[in-house]
Protein backbone atom coordinates (compact mmCIF):
# COMPACT_ATOMS: atom_id res chain seq x y z
CA MET A 1 0.27 0.05 0.29
CA SER A 2 1.36 3.84 -1.15
CA LYS A 3 2.27 6.03 1.27
CA LEU A 4 -0.86 8.53 -0.09
CA SER A 5 -3.05 6.18 0.14
CA LEU A 6 -2.19 5.10 4.38
CA ILE A 7 -2.33 9.08 4.90
CA VAL A 8 -5.97 8.55 3.18
CA LYS A 9 -6.86 5.64 5.49
CA ARG A 10 -5.30 7.38 8.49
CA GLU A 11 -7.23 10.36 7.75
CA TYR A 12 -10.65 8.91 7.14
CA LEU A 13 -10.66 6.30 10.26
CA THR A 14 -9.54 9.16 12.48
CA ARG A 15 -11.96 11.22 11.95
CA VAL A 16 -14.85 8.43 11.50
CA ARG A 17 -14.21 6.91 14.62
CA LYS A 18 -14.24 9.90 16.36
CA ARG A 19 -17.41 10.37 18.67
CA SER A 20 -18.05 13.71 17.84
CA PHE A 21 -18.56 12.51 14.51
CA ILE A 22 -20.85 10.30 15.04
CA ILE A 23 -22.40 11.88 17.33
CA GLY A 24 -22.66 15.07 14.87
CA THR A 25 -24.17 12.74 12.48
CA LEU A 26 -26.45 10.89 14.21
CA LEU A 27 -27.79 14.30 15.91
CA ALA A 28 -28.47 16.27 12.90
CA PRO A 29 -31.82 13.79 11.20
CA LEU A 30 -32.60 14.33 14.87
CA GLY A 31 -32.56 18.25 15.26
CA LEU A 32 -34.28 17.79 11.79
CA LEU A 33 -37.13 15.43 13.85
CA ILE A 34 -37.84 17.72 16.76
CA TYR A 35 -37.61 20.92 14.48
CA MET A 36 -40.38 19.39 12.14
CA LEU A 37 -42.34 18.52 14.64
CA VAL A 38 -41.81 21.70 16.31
CA ILE A 39 -42.82 23.30 12.59
CA ILE A 40 -46.22 20.61 12.63
CA GLY A 41 -47.05 21.77 16.31
CA LEU A 42 -47.02 25.76 15.39
CA THR A 43 -48.77 25.42 12.36
CA SER A 44 -51.74 23.37 13.88
CA TYR A 45 -51.70 25.42 17.50
CA GLU A 46 -54.52 27.73 18.18
CA THR A 47 -52.99 30.84 19.69
CA GLY A 48 -55.30 33.11 22.16
CA GLY A 49 -58.14 31.20 22.75
CA LYS A 50 -62.13 31.16 21.29
CA LEU A 51 -63.40 34.78 21.22
CA GLU A 52 -67.22 35.35 21.08
CA VAL A 53 -67.56 38.36 19.08
CA ALA A 54 -71.15 40.04 18.72
CA VAL A 55 -71.89 41.63 15.59
CA LEU A 56 -73.30 44.49 15.25
CA ASP A 57 -75.02 45.13 11.72
CA GLU A 58 -76.18 48.47 11.00
CA ALA A 59 -77.22 48.07 7.04
CA ASN A 60 -78.08 44.95 7.39
CA MET A 61 -75.01 43.58 5.20
CA ILE A 62 -73.38 40.58 6.91
CA LYS A 63 -75.87 38.45 7.99
CA GLN A 64 -74.74 35.65 9.56
CA LEU A 65 -70.77 34.74 9.61
CA PRO A 66 -69.36 31.61 9.89
CA ASP A 67 -66.44 30.66 12.72
CA ASP A 68 -63.22 30.92 11.73
CA LYS A 69 -59.80 30.90 13.63
CA GLY A 70 -61.09 30.46 16.66
CA ILE A 71 -63.69 33.03 16.65
CA HIS A 72 -67.62 32.55 17.17
CA TYR A 73 -69.42 35.35 15.93
CA ILE A 74 -73.04 36.33 17.33
CA LEU A 75 -75.71 38.44 15.81
CA SER A 76 -76.28 41.37 18.23
CA SER A 77 -80.40 40.85 17.53
CA GLY A 78 -81.38 44.36 17.78
CA LYS A 79 -78.98 45.50 20.76
CA SER A 80 -77.56 49.03 20.93
CA LEU A 81 -73.77 49.14 21.14
CA ASP A 82 -74.09 50.31 24.77
CA ALA A 83 -75.72 47.11 25.86
CA LEU A 84 -73.52 45.06 23.75
CA LYS A 85 -70.32 47.02 25.89
CA GLN A 86 -71.97 46.45 29.19
CA GLU A 87 -72.16 42.68 28.00
CA VAL A 88 -68.32 43.12 27.25
CA LYS A 89 -67.60 44.62 30.89
CA ASP A 90 -69.67 41.24 32.24
CA GLY A 91 -67.64 38.66 30.88
CA LYS A 92 -70.58 37.79 28.91
CA ILE A 93 -68.66 38.39 25.21
CA ASN A 94 -65.32 39.16 24.31
CA GLY A 95 -65.70 41.86 21.47
CA ILE A 96 -68.02 44.03 19.34
CA LEU A 97 -67.51 43.85 15.64
CA ARG A 98 -69.30 47.39 14.24
CA VAL A 99 -69.81 47.07 10.39
CA PRO A 100 -71.40 50.61 9.43
CA PRO A 101 -73.18 51.20 6.62
CA ILE A 102 -71.56 51.62 2.88
CA SER A 103 -71.75 55.22 2.07
CA SER A 104 -71.64 54.67 -1.77
CA MET A 105 -70.99 51.31 -4.26
CA GLN A 106 -68.34 52.84 -5.86
CA LYS A 107 -66.10 52.96 -2.40
CA LYS A 108 -63.41 50.30 -2.32
CA ASP A 109 -62.50 51.18 1.30
CA HIS A 110 -64.58 50.47 4.06
CA THR A 111 -63.54 51.15 7.80
CA VAL A 112 -65.28 47.99 10.15
CA PHE A 113 -64.79 48.67 14.19
CA TYR A 114 -64.12 46.32 17.23
CA TYR A 115 -64.71 47.52 20.31
CA ALA A 116 -62.64 45.28 23.40
CA ASP A 117 -60.72 45.72 26.15
CA SER A 118 -57.97 43.50 25.23
CA LYS A 119 -56.01 43.21 22.38
CA LEU A 120 -56.92 41.72 19.37
CA ALA A 121 -54.56 39.21 17.32
CA PRO A 122 -53.12 40.05 14.21
CA GLU A 123 -54.73 36.65 12.76
CA LYS A 124 -58.07 37.19 13.60
CA SER A 125 -58.10 40.36 12.78
CA GLY A 126 -57.21 39.15 9.68
CA ALA A 127 -59.62 36.83 9.35
CA MET A 128 -62.41 39.50 9.97
CA GLU A 129 -61.54 41.61 7.21
CA ARG A 130 -61.68 38.98 4.67
CA LYS A 131 -64.82 37.45 6.23
CA ILE A 132 -66.56 40.87 6.42
CA SER A 133 -64.75 42.15 2.67
CA GLU A 134 -66.65 38.86 1.53
CA LYS A 135 -69.62 40.07 2.95
CA ILE A 136 -70.03 43.58 1.69
CA ARG A 137 -69.15 42.15 -1.75
CA ASP A 138 -71.56 39.46 -1.87
CA PHE A 139 -73.69 42.73 -0.86
CA LYS A 140 -72.61 44.50 -3.57
CA ILE A 141 -73.05 42.04 -6.01
CA ASP A 142 -76.71 41.35 -4.93
CA SER A 143 -77.86 45.36 -4.52
CA LEU A 144 -76.33 46.29 -8.03
CA HIS A 145 -78.28 43.16 -9.58
CA ILE A 146 -75.12 41.12 -10.82
CA ASN A 147 -75.14 37.74 -12.35
CA ARG A 148 -72.63 35.49 -10.32
CA GLY A 149 -71.84 33.37 -13.18
CA SER A 150 -71.05 36.54 -15.40
CA LEU A 151 -68.58 37.71 -12.64
CA GLU A 152 -66.80 34.44 -12.72
CA MET A 153 -66.63 34.05 -16.40
CA LEU A 154 -64.33 37.21 -16.40
CA ASP A 155 -61.72 35.70 -14.26
CA THR A 156 -59.03 34.21 -16.66
CA ASP A 157 -55.66 32.64 -16.15
CA VAL A 158 -53.23 33.24 -19.16
CA SER A 159 -50.09 30.91 -18.73
CA ILE A 160 -47.40 30.79 -21.52
CA ASP A 161 -46.38 27.69 -23.00
CA PRO A 162 -42.85 27.95 -24.59
CA GLU A 163 -42.76 26.21 -28.06
CA SER A 164 -39.62 25.64 -29.87
CA ILE A 165 -38.98 27.16 -33.37
CA SER A 166 -35.85 24.76 -34.36
CA ASN A 167 -36.22 21.58 -32.18
CA VAL A 168 -40.11 20.67 -33.15
CA GLY A 169 -40.00 18.16 -31.65
CA GLU A 170 -39.21 19.31 -27.92
CA ASP A 171 -42.39 20.15 -25.81
CA GLU A 172 -41.93 22.90 -23.21
CA SER A 173 -44.38 23.57 -20.75
CA LYS A 174 -44.91 26.87 -18.37
CA TYR A 175 -43.34 24.13 -15.54
CA THR A 176 -40.08 23.35 -17.31
CA ALA A 177 -38.33 26.96 -16.24
CA GLY A 178 -39.63 26.11 -12.61
CA VAL A 179 -38.76 22.95 -12.54
CA GLY A 180 -35.09 24.00 -14.08
CA LEU A 181 -35.00 27.04 -11.28
CA ALA A 182 -35.49 24.32 -8.50
CA ILE A 183 -33.20 21.71 -9.61
CA GLY A 184 -30.29 24.28 -9.98
CA GLY A 185 -30.73 25.85 -7.05
CA ILE A 186 -30.46 23.24 -5.33
CA MET A 187 -27.74 21.56 -6.78
CA ALA A 188 -25.76 25.55 -6.22
CA PHE A 189 -26.60 25.14 -2.68
CA ILE A 190 -25.88 21.97 -2.38
CA MET A 191 -21.98 22.75 -3.94
CA PHE A 192 -21.51 26.17 -2.21
CA PHE A 193 -22.27 24.46 1.28
CA MET A 194 -20.47 21.32 0.59
CA VAL A 195 -17.35 23.08 -1.15
CA LEU A 196 -17.49 25.61 2.10
CA MET A 197 -17.33 22.83 5.17
CA TYR A 198 -15.26 20.21 3.84
CA GLY A 199 -12.59 22.57 2.65
CA GLN A 200 -12.30 24.52 6.31
CA MET A 201 -13.13 20.92 7.32
CA VAL A 202 -9.35 19.97 5.90
CA MET A 203 -7.93 23.79 7.41
CA ARG A 204 -8.61 22.56 10.66
CA SER A 205 -7.14 19.24 10.05
CA VAL A 206 -3.77 20.91 9.18
CA MET A 207 -3.80 23.31 11.87
CA GLU A 208 -4.74 20.15 14.40
CA GLU A 209 -1.71 18.56 13.38
CA LYS A 210 0.90 21.60 12.96
CA THR A 211 -0.18 22.69 16.37
CA ASN A 212 0.33 19.66 17.95
CA ARG A 213 3.83 18.56 16.04
CA ILE A 214 2.36 15.71 14.95
CA VAL A 215 3.78 16.83 11.43
CA GLU A 216 7.12 16.86 12.13
CA VAL A 217 6.89 13.00 13.29
CA MET A 218 5.12 12.55 9.63
CA MET A 219 7.44 14.35 8.02
CA SER A 220 10.48 12.36 8.12
CA SER A 221 9.21 9.73 6.24
CA VAL A 222 6.33 11.02 4.08
CA ARG A 223 6.48 14.48 1.42
CA PRO A 224 4.69 17.13 2.27
CA PHE A 225 2.63 17.00 -1.04
CA ASP A 226 1.05 13.40 -0.49
CA LEU A 227 0.88 14.42 2.87
CA MET A 228 -1.14 17.11 2.26
CA LEU A 229 -3.13 15.43 -0.79
CA GLY A 230 -3.44 12.43 1.36
CA LYS A 231 -5.44 14.62 4.08
CA ILE A 232 -7.63 16.05 1.38
CA ILE A 233 -8.58 13.13 0.01
CA GLY A 234 -9.28 11.98 3.93
CA ALA A 235 -11.33 14.81 4.56
CA GLY A 236 -13.48 14.61 1.40
CA ALA A 237 -13.80 10.73 1.82
CA VAL A 238 -15.46 11.99 5.66
CA GLY A 239 -17.36 14.57 4.53
CA LEU A 240 -19.44 12.02 1.86
CA THR A 241 -19.41 9.74 4.51
CA GLN A 242 -21.15 11.85 6.69
CA VAL A 243 -23.36 13.61 3.92
CA LEU A 244 -24.61 9.92 2.84
CA ALA A 245 -25.59 9.21 6.55
CA TRP A 246 -27.55 12.22 6.69
CA VAL A 247 -29.54 11.50 3.53
CA ILE A 248 -30.62 7.66 4.77
CA LEU A 249 -31.45 9.07 8.16
CA SER A 250 -33.26 11.87 6.86
CA GLY A 251 -35.20 9.97 4.87
CA ALA A 252 -36.24 7.42 7.34
CA VAL A 253 -37.44 10.70 9.55
CA THR A 254 -39.39 12.03 7.10
CA PHE A 255 -40.59 8.27 6.74
CA LEU A 256 -41.23 8.00 10.32
CA ILE A 257 -43.10 12.10 10.77
CA PRO A 258 -47.17 11.06 9.69
CA LEU A 259 -46.58 7.70 11.76
CA ILE A 260 -45.65 9.39 14.93
CA MET A 261 -48.17 12.57 14.59
CA HIS A 262 -50.67 10.34 13.23
CA VAL A 263 -51.45 12.67 10.09
CA ASP A 264 -54.68 11.70 8.20
CA PRO A 265 -54.01 12.60 4.30
CA ALA A 266 -58.14 13.07 4.42
CA GLN A 267 -57.76 15.66 7.43
CA MET A 268 -54.95 17.64 5.99
CA GLN A 269 -57.21 18.53 3.13
CA SER A 270 -60.25 18.75 5.26
CA SER A 271 -58.22 21.82 6.53
CA MET A 272 -56.64 23.33 3.75
CA PRO A 273 -58.03 26.94 3.27
CA GLN A 274 -61.63 26.90 1.59
CA GLY A 275 -63.04 29.36 -0.59
CA PRO A 276 -62.09 31.55 -4.34
CA GLY A 277 -58.71 31.78 -3.09
CA ALA A 278 -58.23 27.97 -2.37
CA MET A 279 -56.75 26.24 -4.44
CA ASP A 280 -58.57 23.00 -6.21
CA PRO A 281 -57.24 19.46 -5.03
CA GLU A 282 -57.44 18.77 -8.48
CA GLN A 283 -55.79 20.58 -9.75
CA ALA A 284 -52.80 20.84 -7.21
CA GLN A 285 -52.90 17.03 -8.36
CA GLY A 286 -52.63 17.86 -11.78
CA ASP A 287 -49.54 20.34 -11.62
CA ALA A 288 -47.90 17.60 -9.33
CA LEU A 289 -47.90 15.08 -11.96
CA ARG A 290 -46.68 18.06 -14.86
CA ILE A 291 -44.21 18.91 -12.08
CA PHE A 292 -43.05 15.20 -12.34
CA SER A 293 -43.21 14.73 -15.74
CA GLU A 294 -41.27 18.00 -16.43
CA LEU A 295 -38.40 16.35 -13.74
CA SER A 296 -38.33 13.11 -16.06
CA LYS A 297 -37.45 14.84 -19.08
CA GLN A 298 -34.57 16.37 -17.29
CA ASN A 299 -30.41 14.85 -18.80
CA TRP A 300 -30.04 13.14 -15.77
CA PRO A 301 -27.23 11.41 -16.50
CA LEU A 302 -25.59 14.05 -17.65
CA ILE A 303 -26.72 16.45 -14.48
CA VAL A 304 -25.37 14.21 -11.87
CA GLY A 305 -22.24 12.95 -13.99
CA SER A 306 -21.42 17.01 -14.41
CA PHE A 307 -22.57 17.95 -11.12
CA ILE A 308 -20.15 14.90 -9.49
CA ILE A 309 -17.25 16.03 -11.66
CA PHE A 310 -17.77 20.10 -10.80
CA PHE A 311 -17.79 19.22 -7.21
CA LEU A 312 -14.53 17.01 -6.91
CA GLY A 313 -13.51 20.32 -9.26
CA GLY A 314 -14.27 22.94 -6.82
CA TYR A 315 -13.59 20.40 -3.66
CA PHE A 316 -9.59 20.06 -4.51
CA ILE A 317 -9.86 24.01 -6.06
CA TYR A 318 -11.13 24.96 -2.46
CA ALA A 319 -9.64 22.30 -0.06
CA SER A 320 -6.26 22.78 -1.71
CA MET A 321 -6.41 26.39 -0.78
CA PHE A 322 -7.67 25.95 2.38
CA ALA A 323 -5.07 23.21 3.57
CA ALA A 324 -2.09 26.17 2.03
CA ILE A 325 -3.92 28.75 4.44
CA GLY A 326 -3.97 25.79 7.43
CA SER A 327 -0.05 25.31 6.94
CA ALA A 328 0.40 29.20 7.03
CA MET A 329 -1.92 29.65 10.01
CA GLY A 330 -0.55 29.65 14.03
CA ASP A 331 -2.02 28.98 17.03
CA ASP A 332 -4.22 32.32 16.97
CA MET A 333 -7.31 31.95 15.22
CA GLY A 334 -7.76 35.70 15.01
CA GLU A 335 -4.48 36.10 12.95
CA GLY A 336 -6.01 33.85 10.34
CA GLN A 337 -8.83 35.53 9.12
CA SER A 338 -7.22 37.77 6.89
CA LEU A 339 -5.75 34.86 5.36
CA THR A 340 -9.04 33.04 4.70
CA LEU A 341 -10.89 35.66 3.77
CA PRO A 342 -9.64 35.78 -0.20
CA VAL A 343 -10.41 32.49 -0.24
CA THR A 344 -13.84 32.44 0.84
CA ILE A 345 -15.05 35.58 -1.12
CA PRO A 346 -14.86 33.92 -4.35
CA ILE A 347 -17.54 31.07 -2.95
CA ILE A 348 -19.69 33.64 -1.56
CA LEU A 349 -19.54 35.48 -4.75
CA ALA A 350 -20.47 33.02 -7.11
CA PHE A 351 -23.26 31.91 -4.68
CA TYR A 352 -24.53 35.63 -4.46
CA ILE A 353 -24.33 35.47 -8.21
CA THR A 354 -26.30 32.71 -8.74
CA ALA A 355 -29.02 33.87 -6.24
CA PHE A 356 -29.21 37.74 -7.83
CA VAL A 357 -28.22 36.95 -11.21
CA GLY A 358 -29.20 33.95 -12.17
CA VAL A 359 -32.87 33.18 -11.01
CA ARG A 360 -33.37 36.50 -13.66
CA ASN A 361 -31.85 34.98 -16.74
CA PRO A 362 -29.38 31.71 -16.78
CA ASP A 363 -28.53 32.34 -20.03
CA SER A 364 -26.89 36.58 -19.26
CA GLY A 365 -23.04 37.34 -20.19
CA LEU A 366 -22.25 37.62 -16.30
CA MET A 367 -23.92 34.03 -15.85
CA VAL A 368 -21.87 32.86 -18.76
CA PHE A 369 -18.25 34.11 -17.51
CA ALA A 370 -19.05 32.63 -14.26
CA SER A 371 -20.22 29.17 -15.46
CA LEU A 372 -16.42 29.52 -17.57
CA PHE A 373 -14.20 31.12 -14.68
CA PRO A 374 -13.04 28.00 -12.31
CA LEU A 375 -13.24 29.58 -9.07
CA PHE A 376 -16.84 30.46 -9.82
CA SER A 377 -17.98 27.29 -12.43
CA PRO A 378 -18.25 24.73 -9.68
CA ILE A 379 -21.09 26.69 -7.93
CA VAL A 380 -22.44 28.40 -11.10
CA MET A 381 -22.56 26.22 -13.69
CA PRO A 382 -24.32 22.92 -11.97
CA PHE A 383 -27.20 25.84 -11.66
CA ARG A 384 -27.12 26.58 -15.32
CA MET A 385 -26.73 22.84 -16.04
CA ALA A 386 -30.93 22.64 -15.70
CA PHE A 387 -31.40 24.82 -18.31
CA ASN A 388 -29.22 23.46 -21.26
CA PRO A 389 -26.53 25.58 -22.20
CA PRO A 390 -24.53 25.09 -25.19
CA TRP A 391 -22.69 21.60 -24.77
CA TRP A 392 -19.47 23.53 -25.81
CA GLN A 393 -19.96 26.00 -22.78
CA VAL A 394 -20.61 22.85 -20.59
CA GLY A 395 -17.79 20.72 -22.20
CA LEU A 396 -14.74 23.94 -21.25
CA SER A 397 -15.88 24.77 -18.28
CA LEU A 398 -15.23 20.78 -17.17
CA VAL A 399 -12.03 20.96 -18.98
CA LEU A 400 -10.91 24.44 -16.63
CA VAL A 401 -12.50 23.24 -13.65
CA VAL A 402 -10.08 19.89 -14.08
CA ALA A 403 -7.02 21.81 -15.11
CA SER A 404 -6.85 24.34 -12.05
CA ALA A 405 -8.24 21.59 -10.05
CA TYR A 406 -4.67 19.72 -10.62
CA PHE A 407 -2.92 23.63 -10.48
CA PHE A 408 -4.06 24.71 -7.24
CA VAL A 409 -3.36 21.48 -5.83
CA TRP A 410 0.07 21.96 -6.99
CA LEU A 411 0.23 25.09 -6.19
CA ALA A 412 -0.64 24.43 -2.37
CA GLY A 413 1.91 21.75 -1.74
CA ARG A 414 4.57 24.25 -2.72
CA ILE A 415 3.02 26.59 0.22
CA TYR A 416 2.33 23.66 2.24
CA ARG A 417 5.85 22.32 2.65
CA VAL A 418 7.18 25.65 3.61
CA GLY A 419 4.68 26.63 5.85
CA ILE A 420 3.78 23.37 7.88
CA LEU A 421 7.24 23.83 9.34
CA LEU A 422 7.15 27.44 10.20
CA TYR A 423 6.17 28.40 13.71
CA GLY A 424 6.28 30.98 15.92
CA LYS A 425 6.00 34.37 13.01
CA LYS A 426 2.88 35.78 11.76
CA VAL A 427 2.91 34.80 8.29
CA THR A 428 1.15 37.86 4.99
CA LEU A 429 -0.48 37.13 1.75
CA LYS A 430 2.68 38.85 0.58
CA GLU A 431 5.40 36.03 1.95
CA ILE A 432 3.02 33.06 1.30
CA GLY A 433 3.15 34.23 -2.70
CA LYS A 434 6.84 34.33 -1.74
CA TRP A 435 6.56 30.67 -0.49
CA MET A 436 5.21 29.53 -3.87
CA PHE A 437 8.88 30.28 -5.94
CA TYR A 438 11.01 28.43 -2.91
CA ASN A 439 13.17 26.34 -4.47
């Protein structure tokens, strides 16, 4: 077994067997389970208790209001405002909702008044406004003798269906752009998170061995370049192992959530908002089928294969730079912030370009440049892959990122061999630049 493989094996097994790694790997899905349970609990939690609200309809527009959001509406039955206020003071009801007459049918704004000694929660206030608005709308329709069927005919949903001119057989729909945007955004976020996290893991590993002076013993039998490369590969394997464990455990957690919470699909559908603005279950099912159809049309072998190459290229580029920075840093992490900043800026900038420019136009000039520039392309090009960029751009970007990975690993090795044995001196970026040319 070669020395490089021994270093990779040692780096991998040492970290995987750590108690912190095992606990962190197991606690992440457990945290996801707790998070989802909390979200479900907060969603179903009824705030503020039940309110008994008397409705004083001065123009007889409202009639009876159905209960909603924990509010029980009671008709005033000819009682005066003063009498209802006395009932609030006696604790018989919680508040009074006074609806004055509308001054004109053309007026769009109308103010209603709520009398109570306690504050009205924003959720309940919004529910009251929606109910009153619907009732006044119905009142106007009846007063103007407008046919409700004719009003519904005025509503028209417009959707753009893209049609290709050159590729006649290529069928696209209004969901194509949205699906591509979702796929690209997810891949860009995963790439940003993984490259940044695993690169910093390599830097911390190098710093630990330098501060503990373990590296002095290892350097007696291993070349500095092999030691650095072994740490990069080993740390990457640790990260991939952890991600794989998270995916499996998170899938199991997602499967167990309905069983733990005893969620009934029929009950969930019945609890969905109803009314004119609510989504039709049949329409939602149809939209889901069309989205799955768009997902099946994607060139997944090309997307996944390219994603893996871009991930490995981006990881080696940034992990090698983090390893070089880790070899130059001392015990004080505060002094090393100025060294890590030039490495993290391109990662963050690439993510911002994707988030703010790519979502608007994936084929803009800035996006094309960023998808070819090796420091940006590991994050930007996977995002563009879902929008079928020209094949030559994808091929050129792959060649550049692979070549850059080789170059940065070689360059980081020259910095690593000098910095790893340097102690007690504050290093600047200018001095690191000189190390590249040492013989």
